[in-house]
């Protein structure tokens, strides 16, 4: 899922698209913020 050219970006698969708010790619830092919304 890590981008081959820019290792700081994460490419979403079908399971991650809803977590990432529909974005196909997010940075590591943005991913942390988005995932934290789904944790209790």
Protein backbone atom coordinates (compact mmCIF):
# COMPACT_ATOMS: atom_id res chain seq x y z
CA UNK A 1 0.00 0.00 0.00
CA UNK A 2 3.01 2.28 0.39
CA UNK A 3 3.66 4.32 -2.75
CA UNK A 4 6.69 2.99 -4.65
CA UNK A 5 8.04 6.41 -5.64
CA UNK A 6 7.17 8.45 -2.55
CA UNK A 7 7.39 6.21 0.51
CA UNK A 8 5.57 8.83 2.62
CA UNK A 9 2.32 8.28 0.71
CA UNK A 10 -0.14 5.47 1.27
CA UNK A 11 -2.30 4.15 -1.60
CA UNK A 12 -5.79 3.12 -0.52
CA UNK A 13 -7.22 -0.26 -1.40
CA UNK A 14 -10.96 -1.00 -1.42
CA UNK A 15 -11.01 -1.45 2.37
CA UNK A 16 -9.20 1.82 3.08
CA UNK A 17 -11.16 4.08 0.72
CA UNK A 18 -13.98 4.66 3.26
CA UNK A 19 -11.45 5.27 6.04
CA UNK A 20 -9.56 7.77 3.87
CA UNK A 21 -12.78 9.61 2.99
CA UNK A 22 -12.69 8.41 -0.62
CA UNK A 23 -9.15 9.64 -1.29
CA UNK A 24 -7.01 7.26 -3.33
CA UNK A 25 -3.75 8.45 -1.75
CA UNK A 26 -2.87 10.18 1.52
CA UNK A 27 0.34 11.07 3.33
CA UNK A 28 1.45 9.10 6.38
CA UNK A 29 0.58 12.08 8.58
CA UNK A 30 -2.89 12.51 7.10
CA UNK A 31 -3.48 8.76 7.40
CA UNK A 32 -2.83 8.89 11.15
CA UNK A 33 -5.41 11.65 11.56
CA UNK A 34 -8.01 9.83 9.45
CA UNK A 35 -7.53 6.45 11.14
CA UNK A 36 -7.76 7.98 14.62
CA UNK A 37 -11.34 9.06 13.84
CA UNK A 38 -12.27 5.37 13.52
CA UNK A 39 -10.66 4.24 16.77
CA UNK A 40 -12.53 4.37 20.05
